Amino acid sequence: MNETQITLQGWLGGDVVLRKAGEVPVANFRVASTPRRFNRRTESWGDAPTQWYTVNVWRALADNCAQSLRRGDPVVVHGRLNVQVYVNADNIEVTTFEIEADHVGHDLSRGTSAFTRTPRAVPTGDEAAVTAA
C-alpha cells in the first residue's frame, strides 16, 4: 500500500455532519491543527500557521463520531491523507487536505473522556440460520 498515512492532533472546527451514502453512514468534520515551534534564537515558542483538514469517516465510526464529538473538542485522527489542488472561481489555486480516517478519538492529554461500547446488533432468526449453515 503506497498511501500516505497521517496522525494529527487538533481541535474540531465545527460539529460533525452525518449523512447517508446509499445505506452507509458517512460523516465529515473539520480539524484545525496549529503547530508550535521553539525558536532557539529568541528562546521562545511561537505558533506556525493553522492547518485545516477535512476528515471523512464511514460506517460505525461515522455514527460514533456524530454521537461523541462536538465543536471545540480536542481530537486525534489517524487515516489516509489526500491532497487536492484546484483553481477556484477567482482563478486562485487552492490546496485542500482531506483525511479518510480509520481512527478518531478525544485527545486525552487535554482532558478526560468516558467510553461507552457500541452494542452489537443481535441477529434475527433469518440471519442466525444463515450463519449456522
C-alpha atoms as a PDB file:
ATOM      1  CA  MET A   1       0.000   0.000   0.000  1.00  0.00           C
ATOM      2  CA  ASN A   2       1.541   3.304  -1.095  1.00  0.00           C
ATOM      3  CA  GLU A   3      -0.917   5.654   0.558  1.00  0.00           C
ATOM      4  CA  THR A   4       0.220   8.427   2.865  1.00  0.00           C
ATOM      5  CA  GLN A   5      -0.838   7.702   6.445  1.00  0.00           C
ATOM      6  CA  ILE A   6      -1.135  10.638   8.824  1.00  0.00           C
ATOM      7  CA  THR A   7      -1.849  11.100  12.508  1.00  0.00           C
ATOM      8  CA  LEU A   8      -2.730  14.579  13.680  1.00  0.00           C
ATOM      9  CA  GLN A   9      -3.839  16.306  16.839  1.00  0.00           C
ATOM     10  CA  GLY A  10      -6.141  19.278  16.603  1.00  0.00           C
ATOM     11  CA  TRP A  11      -9.445  20.851  17.522  1.00  0.00           C
ATOM     12  CA  LEU A  12     -12.859  20.347  15.903  1.00  0.00           C
ATOM     13  CA  GLY A  13     -13.758  23.476  13.955  1.00  0.00           C
ATOM     14  CA  GLY A  14     -17.474  22.637  13.864  1.00  0.00           C
ATOM     15  CA  ASP A  15     -19.927  19.914  14.727  1.00  0.00           C
ATOM     16  CA  VAL A  16     -19.878  16.599  12.870  1.00  0.00           C
ATOM     17  CA  VAL A  17     -22.162  16.433   9.807  1.00  0.00           C
ATOM     18  CA  LEU A  18     -23.716  12.974   9.386  1.00  0.00           C
ATOM     19  CA  ARG A  19     -25.446  11.813   6.189  1.00  0.00           C
ATOM     20  CA  LYS A  20     -26.097   8.590   4.264  1.00  0.00           C
ATOM     21  CA  ALA A  21     -24.352   7.452   1.080  1.00  0.00           C
ATOM     22  CA  GLY A  22     -26.885   4.876  -0.051  1.00  0.00           C
ATOM     23  CA  GLU A  23     -27.423   2.838   3.114  1.00  0.00           C
ATOM     24  CA  VAL A  24     -23.987   3.612   4.573  1.00  0.00           C
ATOM     25  CA  PRO A  25     -23.492   6.388   7.151  1.00  0.00           C
ATOM     26  CA  VAL A  26     -20.744   8.883   6.323  1.00  0.00           C
ATOM     27  CA  ALA A  27     -19.690  11.830   8.457  1.00  0.00           C
ATOM     28  CA  ASN A  28     -17.327  14.695   7.938  1.00  0.00           C
ATOM     29  CA  PHE A  29     -15.857  17.435  10.064  1.00  0.00           C
ATOM     30  CA  ARG A  30     -13.020  19.943  10.021  1.00  0.00           C
ATOM     31  CA  VAL A  31      -9.978  19.805  12.290  1.00  0.00           C
ATOM     32  CA  ALA A  32      -7.630  22.741  12.913  1.00  0.00           C
ATOM     33  CA  SER A  33      -4.037  21.984  13.861  1.00  0.00           C
ATOM     34  CA  THR A  34      -1.611  24.751  14.821  1.00  0.00           C
ATOM     35  CA  PRO A  35       1.999  23.573  15.056  1.00  0.00           C
ATOM     36  CA  ARG A  36       4.146  25.169  17.780  1.00  0.00           C
ATOM     37  CA  ARG A  37       7.836  25.702  17.214  1.00  0.00           C
ATOM     38  CA  PHE A  38      10.625  26.652  19.620  1.00  0.00           C
ATOM     39  CA  ASN A  39      12.848  29.460  18.336  1.00  0.00           C
ATOM     40  CA  ARG A  40      16.320  28.909  19.794  1.00  0.00           C
ATOM     41  CA  ARG A  41      17.444  32.384  18.812  1.00  0.00           C
ATOM     42  CA  THR A  42      14.714  34.133  20.811  1.00  0.00           C
ATOM     43  CA  GLU A  43      14.288  31.313  23.366  1.00  0.00           C
ATOM     44  CA  SER A  44      10.514  31.424  22.903  1.00  0.00           C
ATOM     45  CA  TRP A  45       7.666  29.356  21.500  1.00  0.00           C
ATOM     46  CA  GLY A  46       5.647  30.547  18.527  1.00  0.00           C
ATOM     47  CA  ASP A  47       2.688  29.322  16.532  1.00  0.00           C
ATOM     48  CA  ALA A  48       3.042  28.364  12.879  1.00  0.00           C
ATOM     49  CA  PRO A  49       0.059  28.984  10.576  1.00  0.00           C
ATOM     50  CA  THR A  50      -3.031  26.905  11.390  1.00  0.00           C
ATOM     51  CA  GLN A  51      -3.576  23.963   9.059  1.00  0.00           C
ATOM     52  CA  TRP A  52      -7.149  22.856   8.312  1.00  0.00           C
ATOM     53  CA  TYR A  53      -8.096  19.289   7.407  1.00  0.00           C
ATOM     54  CA  THR A  54     -11.430  17.870   6.257  1.00  0.00           C
ATOM     55  CA  VAL A  55     -11.966  14.457   7.878  1.00  0.00           C
ATOM     56  CA  ASN A  56     -14.281  11.843   6.344  1.00  0.00           C
ATOM     57  CA  VAL A  57     -15.391   8.755   8.276  1.00  0.00           C
ATOM     58  CA  TRP A  58     -17.637   5.862   7.263  1.00  0.00           C
ATOM     59  CA  ARG A  59     -19.991   3.283   8.763  1.00  0.00           C
ATOM     60  CA  ALA A  60     -19.926   2.708  12.546  1.00  0.00           C
ATOM     61  CA  LEU A  61     -17.076   5.201  13.011  1.00  0.00           C
ATOM     62  CA  ALA A  62     -19.264   7.872  11.372  1.00  0.00           C
ATOM     63  CA  ASP A  63     -22.129   7.171  13.786  1.00  0.00           C
ATOM     64  CA  ASN A  64     -19.784   7.128  16.786  1.00  0.00           C
ATOM     65  CA  CYS A  65     -18.125  10.411  15.771  1.00  0.00           C
ATOM     66  CA  ALA A  66     -21.521  12.090  15.329  1.00  0.00           C
ATOM     67  CA  GLN A  67     -22.596  10.977  18.805  1.00  0.00           C
ATOM     68  CA  SER A  68     -19.300  11.719  20.570  1.00  0.00           C
ATOM     69  CA  LEU A  69     -17.649  14.802  19.068  1.00  0.00           C
ATOM     70  CA  ARG A  70     -18.614  18.458  19.406  1.00  0.00           C
ATOM     71  CA  ARG A  71     -17.187  21.725  18.112  1.00  0.00           C
ATOM     72  CA  GLY A  72     -14.039  22.680  20.008  1.00  0.00           C
ATOM     73  CA  ASP A  73     -13.215  19.132  21.173  1.00  0.00           C
ATOM     74  CA  PRO A  74      -9.535  18.159  21.105  1.00  0.00           C
ATOM     75  CA  VAL A  75      -9.113  15.111  18.857  1.00  0.00           C
ATOM     76  CA  VAL A  76      -6.532  12.724  17.468  1.00  0.00           C
ATOM     77  CA  VAL A  77      -7.189  11.489  13.916  1.00  0.00           C
ATOM     78  CA  HIS A  78      -5.386   8.727  12.012  1.00  0.00           C
ATOM     79  CA  GLY A  79      -6.007   7.851   8.379  1.00  0.00           C
ATOM     80  CA  ARG A  80      -5.072   8.293   4.739  1.00  0.00           C
ATOM     81  CA  LEU A  81      -4.104  11.775   3.544  1.00  0.00           C
ATOM     82  CA  ASN A  82      -5.415  13.052   0.205  1.00  0.00           C
ATOM     83  CA  VAL A  83      -4.198  16.376  -1.181  1.00  0.00           C
ATOM     84  CA  GLN A  84      -6.241  18.097  -3.874  1.00  0.00           C
ATOM     85  CA  VAL A  85      -5.270  21.183  -5.863  1.00  0.00           C
ATOM     86  CA  TYR A  86      -7.806  23.146  -7.893  1.00  0.00           C
ATOM     87  CA  VAL A  87      -8.404  26.644  -9.261  1.00  0.00           C
ATOM     88  CA  ASN A  88     -11.383  28.392  -7.656  1.00  0.00           C
ATOM     89  CA  ALA A  89     -13.857  30.839  -9.215  1.00  0.00           C
ATOM     90  CA  ASP A  90     -11.482  33.763  -8.510  1.00  0.00           C
ATOM     91  CA  ASN A  91      -8.746  31.984 -10.535  1.00  0.00           C
ATOM     92  CA  ILE A  92      -6.717  31.273  -7.392  1.00  0.00           C
ATOM     93  CA  GLU A  93      -5.023  27.903  -6.934  1.00  0.00           C
ATOM     94  CA  VAL A  94      -6.276  26.259  -3.735  1.00  0.00           C
ATOM     95  CA  THR A  95      -4.819  23.224  -1.961  1.00  0.00           C
ATOM     96  CA  THR A  96      -7.078  21.156   0.293  1.00  0.00           C
ATOM     97  CA  PHE A  97      -6.173  18.355   2.687  1.00  0.00           C
ATOM     98  CA  GLU A  98      -8.641  15.531   3.320  1.00  0.00           C
ATOM     99  CA  ILE A  99      -8.213  12.580   5.637  1.00  0.00           C
ATOM    100  CA  GLU A 100     -10.108   9.330   5.169  1.00  0.00           C
ATOM    101  CA  ALA A 101      -9.992   8.407   8.870  1.00  0.00           C
ATOM    102  CA  ASP A 102      -9.604   4.896  10.249  1.00  0.00           C
ATOM    103  CA  HIS A 103      -9.345   6.008  13.893  1.00  0.00           C
ATOM    104  CA  VAL A 104     -10.685   9.073  15.720  1.00  0.00           C
ATOM    105  CA  GLY A 105     -10.668   9.820  19.424  1.00  0.00           C
ATOM    106  CA  HIS A 106     -10.548  12.537  22.017  1.00  0.00           C
ATOM    107  CA  ASP A 107      -7.062  13.819  22.825  1.00  0.00           C
ATOM    108  CA  LEU A 108      -6.760  12.728  26.461  1.00  0.00           C
ATOM    109  CA  SER A 109      -3.738  14.982  27.024  1.00  0.00           C
ATOM    110  CA  ARG A 110      -6.305  17.832  27.018  1.00  0.00           C
ATOM    111  CA  GLY A 111      -8.970  16.334  29.306  1.00  0.00           C
ATOM    112  CA  THR A 112     -10.928  13.233  30.215  1.00  0.00           C
ATOM    113  CA  SER A 113     -13.495  11.211  28.321  1.00  0.00           C
ATOM    114  CA  ALA A 114     -15.942   8.436  29.204  1.00  0.00           C
ATOM    115  CA  PHE A 115     -16.104   5.421  26.879  1.00  0.00           C
ATOM    116  CA  THR A 116     -19.343   3.636  26.066  1.00  0.00           C
ATOM    117  CA  ARG A 117     -19.120   0.474  23.980  1.00  0.00           C
ATOM    118  CA  THR A 118     -21.443   0.355  20.971  1.00  0.00           C
ATOM    119  CA  PRO A 119     -23.855  -2.569  21.401  1.00  0.00           C
ATOM    120  CA  ARG A 120     -23.599  -5.281  18.764  1.00  0.00           C
ATOM    121  CA  ALA A 121     -26.607  -5.945  16.603  1.00  0.00           C
ATOM    122  CA  VAL A 122     -28.485  -9.074  17.648  1.00  0.00           C
ATOM    123  CA  PRO A 123     -29.063 -11.329  14.625  1.00  0.00           C
ATOM    124  CA  THR A 124     -32.661 -12.031  13.699  1.00  0.00           C
ATOM    125  CA  GLY A 125     -33.915 -15.590  13.153  1.00  0.00           C
ATOM    126  CA  ASP A 126     -33.152 -15.479   9.389  1.00  0.00           C
ATOM    127  CA  GLU A 127     -29.592 -14.176   9.889  1.00  0.00           C
ATOM    128  CA  ALA A 128     -28.886 -16.716  12.651  1.00  0.00           C
ATOM    129  CA  ALA A 129     -29.990 -19.584  10.358  1.00  0.00           C
ATOM    130  CA  VAL A 130     -27.692 -18.380   7.543  1.00  0.00           C
ATOM    131  CA  THR A 131     -24.641 -18.105   9.843  1.00  0.00           C
ATOM    132  CA  ALA A 132     -25.342 -21.517  11.366  1.00  0.00           C
ATOM    133  CA  ALA A 133     -25.494 -23.226   7.943  1.00  0.00           C
END
